[in-house]
PDB file of all heavy atoms in Angstrom:
ATOM      1  N   LEU A   1     -47.969 -15.198 -42.371  1.00  0.00           N
ATOM      2  CA  LEU A   1     -47.782 -13.778 -42.081  1.00  0.00           C
ATOM      3  C   LEU A   1     -46.459 -13.533 -41.374  1.00  0.00           C
ATOM      4  O   LEU A   1     -45.675 -12.656 -41.763  1.00  0.00           O
ATOM      5  CB  LEU A   1     -48.944 -13.279 -41.218  1.00  0.00           C
ATOM      6  CG  LEU A   1     -48.828 -11.864 -40.637  1.00  0.00           C
ATOM      7  CD1 LEU A   1     -48.715 -10.823 -41.758  1.00  0.00           C
ATOM      8  CD2 LEU A   1     -50.024 -11.549 -39.733  1.00  0.00           C
ATOM      9  N   PHE A   2     -46.162 -14.317 -40.332  1.00  0.00           N
ATOM     10  CA  PHE A   2     -44.918 -14.141 -39.574  1.00  0.00           C
ATOM     11  C   PHE A   2     -43.696 -14.433 -40.448  1.00  0.00           C
ATOM     12  O   PHE A   2     -42.674 -13.752 -40.356  1.00  0.00           O
ATOM     13  CB  PHE A   2     -44.906 -15.054 -38.346  1.00  0.00           C
ATOM     14  CG  PHE A   2     -46.004 -14.779 -37.354  1.00  0.00           C
ATOM     15  CD1 PHE A   2     -46.505 -15.796 -36.544  1.00  0.00           C
ATOM     16  CD2 PHE A   2     -46.548 -13.508 -37.234  1.00  0.00           C
ATOM     17  CE1 PHE A   2     -47.514 -15.543 -35.625  1.00  0.00           C
ATOM     18  CE2 PHE A   2     -47.563 -13.246 -36.311  1.00  0.00           C
ATOM     19  CZ  PHE A   2     -48.048 -14.266 -35.514  1.00  0.00           C
ATOM     20  N   TRP A   3     -43.808 -15.450 -41.312  1.00  0.00           N
ATOM     21  CA  TRP A   3     -42.688 -15.812 -42.185  1.00  0.00           C
ATOM     22  C   TRP A   3     -42.414 -14.705 -43.200  1.00  0.00           C
ATOM     23  O   TRP A   3     -41.265 -14.322 -43.440  1.00  0.00           O
ATOM     24  CB  TRP A   3     -43.015 -17.126 -42.890  1.00  0.00           C
ATOM     25  CG  TRP A   3     -41.820 -17.815 -43.538  1.00  0.00           C
ATOM     26  CD1 TRP A   3     -40.521 -17.403 -43.514  1.00  0.00           C
ATOM     27  CD2 TRP A   3     -41.850 -19.027 -44.279  1.00  0.00           C
ATOM     28  NE1 TRP A   3     -39.728 -18.292 -44.198  1.00  0.00           N
ATOM     29  CE2 TRP A   3     -40.524 -19.308 -44.677  1.00  0.00           C
ATOM     30  CE3 TRP A   3     -42.861 -19.922 -44.639  1.00  0.00           C
ATOM     31  CZ2 TRP A   3     -40.188 -20.442 -45.435  1.00  0.00           C
ATOM     32  CZ3 TRP A   3     -42.532 -21.046 -45.381  1.00  0.00           C
ATOM     33  CH2 TRP A   3     -41.211 -21.294 -45.771  1.00  0.00           C
ATOM     34  N   ALA A   4     -43.491 -14.175 -43.776  1.00  0.00           N
ATOM     35  CA  ALA A   4     -43.329 -13.078 -44.737  1.00  0.00           C
ATOM     36  C   ALA A   4     -42.701 -11.854 -44.063  1.00  0.00           C
ATOM     37  O   ALA A   4     -41.831 -11.186 -44.647  1.00  0.00           O
ATOM     38  CB  ALA A   4     -44.685 -12.720 -45.346  1.00  0.00           C
ATOM     39  N   ARG A   5     -43.130 -11.548 -42.836  1.00  0.00           N
ATOM     40  CA  ARG A   5     -42.551 -10.418 -42.096  1.00  0.00           C
ATOM     41  C   ARG A   5     -41.053 -10.616 -41.883  1.00  0.00           C
ATOM     42  O   ARG A   5     -40.251  -9.699 -42.091  1.00  0.00           O
ATOM     43  CB  ARG A   5     -43.224 -10.287 -40.727  1.00  0.00           C
ATOM     44  CG  ARG A   5     -44.571  -9.597 -40.733  1.00  0.00           C
ATOM     45  CD  ARG A   5     -45.110  -9.598 -39.311  1.00  0.00           C
ATOM     46  NE  ARG A   5     -46.461  -9.063 -39.204  1.00  0.00           N
ATOM     47  CZ  ARG A   5     -47.214  -9.177 -38.119  1.00  0.00           C
ATOM     48  NH1 ARG A   5     -46.755  -9.828 -37.050  1.00  0.00           N
ATOM     49  NH2 ARG A   5     -48.428  -8.650 -38.081  1.00  0.00           N
ATOM     50  N   GLU A   6     -40.681 -11.826 -41.452  1.00  0.00           N
ATOM     51  CA  GLU A   6     -39.270 -12.109 -41.181  1.00  0.00           C
ATOM     52  C   GLU A   6     -38.435 -12.042 -42.450  1.00  0.00           C
ATOM     53  O   GLU A   6     -37.302 -11.544 -42.436  1.00  0.00           O
ATOM     54  CB  GLU A   6     -39.118 -13.480 -40.512  1.00  0.00           C
ATOM     55  CG  GLU A   6     -39.687 -13.564 -39.108  1.00  0.00           C
ATOM     56  CD  GLU A   6     -38.996 -12.635 -38.130  1.00  0.00           C
ATOM     57  OE1 GLU A   6     -37.828 -12.271 -38.356  1.00  0.00           O
ATOM     58  OE2 GLU A   6     -39.638 -12.250 -37.121  1.00  0.00           O
ATOM     59  N   MET A   7     -38.986 -12.535 -43.551  1.00  0.00           N
ATOM     60  CA  MET A   7     -38.262 -12.467 -44.824  1.00  0.00           C
ATOM     61  C   MET A   7     -38.116 -11.023 -45.285  1.00  0.00           C
ATOM     62  O   MET A   7     -37.075 -10.617 -45.805  1.00  0.00           O
ATOM     63  CB  MET A   7     -38.998 -13.292 -45.887  1.00  0.00           C
ATOM     64  CG  MET A   7     -38.828 -14.787 -45.738  1.00  0.00           C
ATOM     65  SD  MET A   7     -37.106 -15.331 -45.898  1.00  0.00           S
ATOM     66  CE  MET A   7     -36.751 -14.855 -47.584  1.00  0.00           C
ATOM     67  N   ALA A   8     -39.159 -10.214 -45.076  1.00  0.00           N
ATOM     68  CA  ALA A   8     -39.132  -8.816 -45.526  1.00  0.00           C
ATOM     69  C   ALA A   8     -38.061  -8.007 -44.814  1.00  0.00           C
ATOM     70  O   ALA A   8     -37.451  -7.114 -45.404  1.00  0.00           O
ATOM     71  CB  ALA A   8     -40.501  -8.181 -45.315  1.00  0.00           C
ATOM     72  N   LYS A   9     -37.811  -8.316 -43.544  1.00  0.00           N
ATOM     73  CA  LYS A   9     -36.826  -7.530 -42.791  1.00  0.00           C
ATOM     74  C   LYS A   9     -35.471  -8.227 -42.673  1.00  0.00           C
ATOM     75  O   LYS A   9     -34.593  -7.769 -41.947  1.00  0.00           O
ATOM     76  CB  LYS A   9     -37.372  -7.206 -41.402  1.00  0.00           C
ATOM     77  CG  LYS A   9     -37.620  -8.398 -40.495  1.00  0.00           C
ATOM     78  CD  LYS A   9     -38.288  -7.934 -39.199  1.00  0.00           C
ATOM     79  CE  LYS A   9     -38.505  -9.099 -38.232  1.00  0.00           C
ATOM     80  NZ  LYS A   9     -39.243  -8.711 -37.029  1.00  0.00           N
ATOM     81  N   SER A  10     -35.286  -9.337 -43.417  1.00  0.00           N
ATOM     82  CA  SER A  10     -34.037 -10.095 -43.304  1.00  0.00           C
ATOM     83  C   SER A  10     -32.860  -9.402 -43.966  1.00  0.00           C
ATOM     84  O   SER A  10     -31.706  -9.660 -43.623  1.00  0.00           O
ATOM     85  CB  SER A  10     -34.213 -11.492 -43.916  1.00  0.00           C
ATOM     86  OG  SER A  10     -34.388 -11.395 -45.322  1.00  0.00           O
ATOM     87  N   GLY A  11     -33.144  -8.520 -44.959  1.00  0.00           N
ATOM     88  CA  GLY A  11     -32.056  -7.843 -45.674  1.00  0.00           C
ATOM     89  C   GLY A  11     -31.321  -8.763 -46.625  1.00  0.00           C
ATOM     90  O   GLY A  11     -30.261  -8.405 -47.159  1.00  0.00           O
ATOM     91  N   GLY A  12     -31.887  -9.951 -46.884  1.00  0.00           N
ATOM     92  CA  GLY A  12     -31.217 -10.922 -47.746  1.00  0.00           C
ATOM     93  C   GLY A  12     -31.642 -10.793 -49.194  1.00  0.00           C
ATOM     94  O   GLY A  12     -32.284  -9.824 -49.610  1.00  0.00           O
ATOM     95  N   ILE A  13     -31.278 -11.818 -49.971  1.00  0.00           N
ATOM     96  CA  ILE A  13     -31.522 -11.813 -51.419  1.00  0.00           C
ATOM     97  C   ILE A  13     -33.006 -11.704 -51.738  1.00  0.00           C
ATOM     98  O   ILE A  13     -33.405 -11.058 -52.707  1.00  0.00           O
ATOM     99  CB  ILE A  13     -30.958 -13.119 -52.040  1.00  0.00           C
ATOM    100  CG1 ILE A  13     -29.484 -13.300 -51.663  1.00  0.00           C
ATOM    101  CG2 ILE A  13     -31.114 -13.136 -53.551  1.00  0.00           C
ATOM    102  CD1 ILE A  13     -28.941 -14.695 -51.905  1.00  0.00           C
ATOM    103  N   LEU A  14     -33.855 -12.340 -50.921  1.00  0.00           N
ATOM    104  CA  LEU A  14     -35.285 -12.435 -51.221  1.00  0.00           C
ATOM    105  C   LEU A  14     -36.147 -11.431 -50.462  1.00  0.00           C
ATOM    106  O   LEU A  14     -37.365 -11.420 -50.627  1.00  0.00           O
ATOM    107  CB  LEU A  14     -35.777 -13.854 -50.888  1.00  0.00           C
ATOM    108  CG  LEU A  14     -35.073 -15.018 -51.590  1.00  0.00           C
ATOM    109  CD1 LEU A  14     -35.573 -16.337 -51.032  1.00  0.00           C
ATOM    110  CD2 LEU A  14     -35.303 -14.968 -53.089  1.00  0.00           C
ATOM    111  N   SER A  15     -35.533 -10.575 -49.655  1.00  0.00           N
ATOM    112  CA  SER A  15     -36.322  -9.724 -48.750  1.00  0.00           C
ATOM    113  C   SER A  15     -37.298  -8.809 -49.485  1.00  0.00           C
ATOM    114  O   SER A  15     -38.434  -8.630 -49.052  1.00  0.00           O
ATOM    115  CB  SER A  15     -35.408  -8.907 -47.843  1.00  0.00           C
ATOM    116  OG  SER A  15     -34.563  -8.079 -48.607  1.00  0.00           O
ATOM    117  N   LYS A  16     -36.877  -8.231 -50.597  1.00  0.00           N
ATOM    118  CA  LYS A  16     -37.741  -7.298 -51.334  1.00  0.00           C
ATOM    119  C   LYS A  16     -38.998  -7.979 -51.846  1.00  0.00           C
ATOM    120  O   LYS A  16     -40.084  -7.403 -51.831  1.00  0.00           O
ATOM    121  CB  LYS A  16     -36.975  -6.691 -52.516  1.00  0.00           C
ATOM    122  CG  LYS A  16     -35.889  -5.712 -52.115  1.00  0.00           C
ATOM    123  CD  LYS A  16     -36.502  -4.422 -51.580  1.00  0.00           C
ATOM    124  CE  LYS A  16     -35.410  -3.409 -51.219  1.00  0.00           C
ATOM    125  NZ  LYS A  16     -35.986  -2.218 -50.562  1.00  0.00           N
ATOM    126  N   ILE A  17     -38.839  -9.236 -52.283  1.00  0.00           N
ATOM    127  CA  ILE A  17     -39.979  -9.985 -52.835  1.00  0.00           C
ATOM    128  C   ILE A  17     -41.072 -10.158 -51.787  1.00  0.00           C
ATOM    129  O   ILE A  17     -42.265 -10.134 -52.096  1.00  0.00           O
ATOM    130  CB  ILE A  17     -39.507 -11.367 -53.341  1.00  0.00           C
ATOM    131  CG1 ILE A  17     -38.450 -11.203 -54.428  1.00  0.00           C
ATOM    132  CG2 ILE A  17     -40.669 -12.214 -53.824  1.00  0.00           C
ATOM    133  CD1 ILE A  17     -37.780 -12.487 -54.853  1.00  0.00           C
ATOM    134  N   PHE A  18     -40.656 -10.304 -50.525  1.00  0.00           N
ATOM    135  CA  PHE A  18     -41.610 -10.624 -49.474  1.00  0.00           C
ATOM    136  C   PHE A  18     -42.234  -9.389 -48.817  1.00  0.00           C
ATOM    137  O   PHE A  18     -43.182  -9.527 -48.040  1.00  0.00           O
ATOM    138  CB  PHE A  18     -40.946 -11.500 -48.409  1.00  0.00           C
ATOM    139  CG  PHE A  18     -40.832 -12.936 -48.818  1.00  0.00           C
ATOM    140  CD1 PHE A  18     -39.754 -13.373 -49.569  1.00  0.00           C
ATOM    141  CD2 PHE A  18     -41.818 -13.852 -48.483  1.00  0.00           C
ATOM    142  CE1 PHE A  18     -39.644 -14.702 -49.954  1.00  0.00           C
ATOM    143  CE2 PHE A  18     -41.717 -15.174 -48.872  1.00  0.00           C
ATOM    144  CZ  PHE A  18     -40.627 -15.601 -49.615  1.00  0.00           C
ATOM    145  N   GLU A  19     -41.736  -8.198 -49.100  1.00  0.00           N
ATOM    146  CA  GLU A  19     -42.310  -6.989 -48.488  1.00  0.00           C
ATOM    147  C   GLU A  19     -43.767  -6.824 -48.880  1.00  0.00           C
ATOM    148  O   GLU A  19     -44.637  -6.573 -48.034  1.00  0.00           O
ATOM    149  CB  GLU A  19     -41.502  -5.760 -48.899  1.00  0.00           C
ATOM    150  CG  GLU A  19     -40.201  -5.600 -48.125  1.00  0.00           C
ATOM    151  CD  GLU A  19     -39.465  -4.324 -48.505  1.00  0.00           C
ATOM    152  OE1 GLU A  19     -40.083  -3.456 -49.181  1.00  0.00           O
ATOM    153  OE2 GLU A  19     -38.285  -4.202 -48.141  1.00  0.00           O
ATOM    154  N   ASN A  20     -44.063  -6.954 -50.178  1.00  0.00           N
ATOM    155  CA  ASN A  20     -45.443  -6.803 -50.649  1.00  0.00           C
ATOM    156  C   ASN A  20     -46.344  -7.895 -50.083  1.00  0.00           C
ATOM    157  O   ASN A  20     -47.489  -7.624 -49.703  1.00  0.00           O
ATOM    158  CB  ASN A  20     -45.494  -6.847 -52.183  1.00  0.00           C
ATOM    159  CG  ASN A  20     -44.939  -5.584 -52.803  1.00  0.00           C
ATOM    160  OD1 ASN A  20     -44.898  -4.529 -52.167  1.00  0.00           O
ATOM    161  ND2 ASN A  20     -44.504  -5.679 -54.050  1.00  0.00           N
ATOM    162  N   LEU A  21     -45.813  -9.119 -50.014  1.00  0.00           N
ATOM    163  CA  LEU A  21     -46.599 -10.224 -49.471  1.00  0.00           C
ATOM    164  C   LEU A  21     -46.964  -9.965 -48.014  1.00  0.00           C
ATOM    165  O   LEU A  21     -48.127 -10.132 -47.611  1.00  0.00           O
ATOM    166  CB  LEU A  21     -45.798 -11.534 -49.592  1.00  0.00           C
ATOM    167  CG  LEU A  21     -46.451 -12.779 -48.998  1.00  0.00           C
ATOM    168  CD1 LEU A  21     -47.804 -13.061 -49.648  1.00  0.00           C
ATOM    169  CD2 LEU A  21     -45.532 -13.988 -49.132  1.00  0.00           C
ATOM    170  N   ALA A  22     -45.991  -9.542 -47.220  1.00  0.00           N
ATOM    171  CA  ALA A  22     -46.252  -9.251 -45.810  1.00  0.00           C
ATOM    172  C   ALA A  22     -47.291  -8.144 -45.662  1.00  0.00           C
ATOM    173  O   ALA A  22     -48.208  -8.238 -44.837  1.00  0.00           O
ATOM    174  CB  ALA A  22     -44.959  -8.853 -45.109  1.00  0.00           C
ATOM    175  N   ASN A  23     -47.171  -7.097 -46.475  1.00  0.00           N
ATOM    176  CA  ASN A  23     -48.116  -5.968 -46.418  1.00  0.00           C
ATOM    177  C   ASN A  23     -49.534  -6.414 -46.776  1.00  0.00           C
ATOM    178  O   ASN A  23     -50.504  -6.015 -46.121  1.00  0.00           O
ATOM    179  CB  ASN A  23     -47.670  -4.848 -47.359  1.00  0.00           C
ATOM    180  CG  ASN A  23     -46.419  -4.137 -46.857  1.00  0.00           C
ATOM    181  OD1 ASN A  23     -46.135  -4.137 -45.657  1.00  0.00           O
ATOM    182  ND2 ASN A  23     -45.656  -3.548 -47.763  1.00  0.00           N
ATOM    183  N   GLU A  24     -49.652  -7.238 -47.821  1.00  0.00           N
ATOM    184  CA  GLU A  24     -50.965  -7.722 -48.254  1.00  0.00           C
ATOM    185  C   GLU A  24     -51.616  -8.598 -47.183  1.00  0.00           C
ATOM    186  O   GLU A  24     -52.815  -8.480 -46.908  1.00  0.00           O
ATOM    187  CB  GLU A  24     -50.823  -8.520 -49.561  1.00  0.00           C
ATOM    188  CG  GLU A  24     -50.585  -7.672 -50.802  1.00  0.00           C
ATOM    189  CD  GLU A  24     -51.786  -6.816 -51.148  1.00  0.00           C
ATOM    190  OE1 GLU A  24     -52.923  -7.330 -51.137  1.00  0.00           O
ATOM    191  OE2 GLU A  24     -51.589  -5.613 -51.398  1.00  0.00           O
ATOM    192  N   LEU A  25     -50.835  -9.466 -46.575  1.00  0.00           N
ATOM    193  CA  LEU A  25     -51.371 -10.347 -45.533  1.00  0.00           C
ATOM    194  C   LEU A  25     -51.812  -9.548 -44.311  1.00  0.00           C
ATOM    195  O   LEU A  25     -52.876  -9.809 -43.731  1.00  0.00           O
ATOM    196  CB  LEU A  25     -50.327 -11.395 -45.134  1.00  0.00           C
ATOM    197  CG  LEU A  25     -50.001 -12.466 -46.179  1.00  0.00           C
ATOM    198  CD1 LEU A  25     -48.816 -13.318 -45.736  1.00  0.00           C
ATOM    199  CD2 LEU A  25     -51.219 -13.364 -46.441  1.00  0.00           C
ATOM    200  N   GLU A  26     -50.996  -8.572 -43.898  1.00  0.00           N
ATOM    201  CA  GLU A  26     -51.342  -7.743 -42.741  1.00  0.00           C
ATOM    202  C   GLU A  26     -52.612  -6.934 -43.005  1.00  0.00           C
ATOM    203  O   GLU A  26     -53.504  -6.852 -42.152  1.00  0.00           O
ATOM    204  CB  GLU A  26     -50.179  -6.812 -42.405  1.00  0.00           C
ATOM    205  CG  GLU A  26     -49.009  -7.524 -41.740  1.00  0.00           C
ATOM    206  CD  GLU A  26     -47.828  -6.592 -41.496  1.00  0.00           C
ATOM    207  OE1 GLU A  26     -47.895  -5.415 -41.921  1.00  0.00           O
ATOM    208  OE2 GLU A  26     -46.840  -7.038 -40.900  1.00  0.00           O
ATOM    209  N   LYS A  27     -52.690  -6.348 -44.179  1.00  0.00           N
ATOM    210  CA  LYS A  27     -53.826  -5.506 -44.540  1.00  0.00           C
ATOM    211  C   LYS A  27     -55.135  -6.309 -44.595  1.00  0.00           C
ATOM    212  O   LYS A  27     -56.211  -5.787 -44.263  1.00  0.00           O
ATOM    213  CB  LYS A  27     -53.542  -4.861 -45.903  1.00  0.00           C
ATOM    214  CG  LYS A  27     -54.593  -3.890 -46.392  1.00  0.00           C
ATOM    215  CD  LYS A  27     -54.170  -3.247 -47.708  1.00  0.00           C
ATOM    216  CE  LYS A  27     -54.171  -4.254 -48.832  1.00  0.00           C
ATOM    217  NZ  LYS A  27     -53.832  -3.638 -50.151  1.00  0.00           N
ATOM    218  N   SER A  28     -55.032  -7.576 -44.992  1.00  0.00           N
ATOM    219  CA  SER A  28     -56.234  -8.390 -45.219  1.00  0.00           C
ATOM    220  C   SER A  28     -56.549  -9.345 -44.068  1.00  0.00           C
ATOM    221  O   SER A  28     -57.431 -10.207 -44.200  1.00  0.00           O
ATOM    222  CB  SER A  28     -56.056  -9.206 -46.509  1.00  0.00           C
ATOM    223  OG  SER A  28     -55.707  -8.389 -47.596  1.00  0.00           O
TER     224      SER A  28
END
């Protein structure tokens, strides 16, 4: 969860991919 959050807000090449993952993990 923490890794997905950090990737989502990194603004890097992969950040968009991890936004949905972070949201799904937080929600569940």
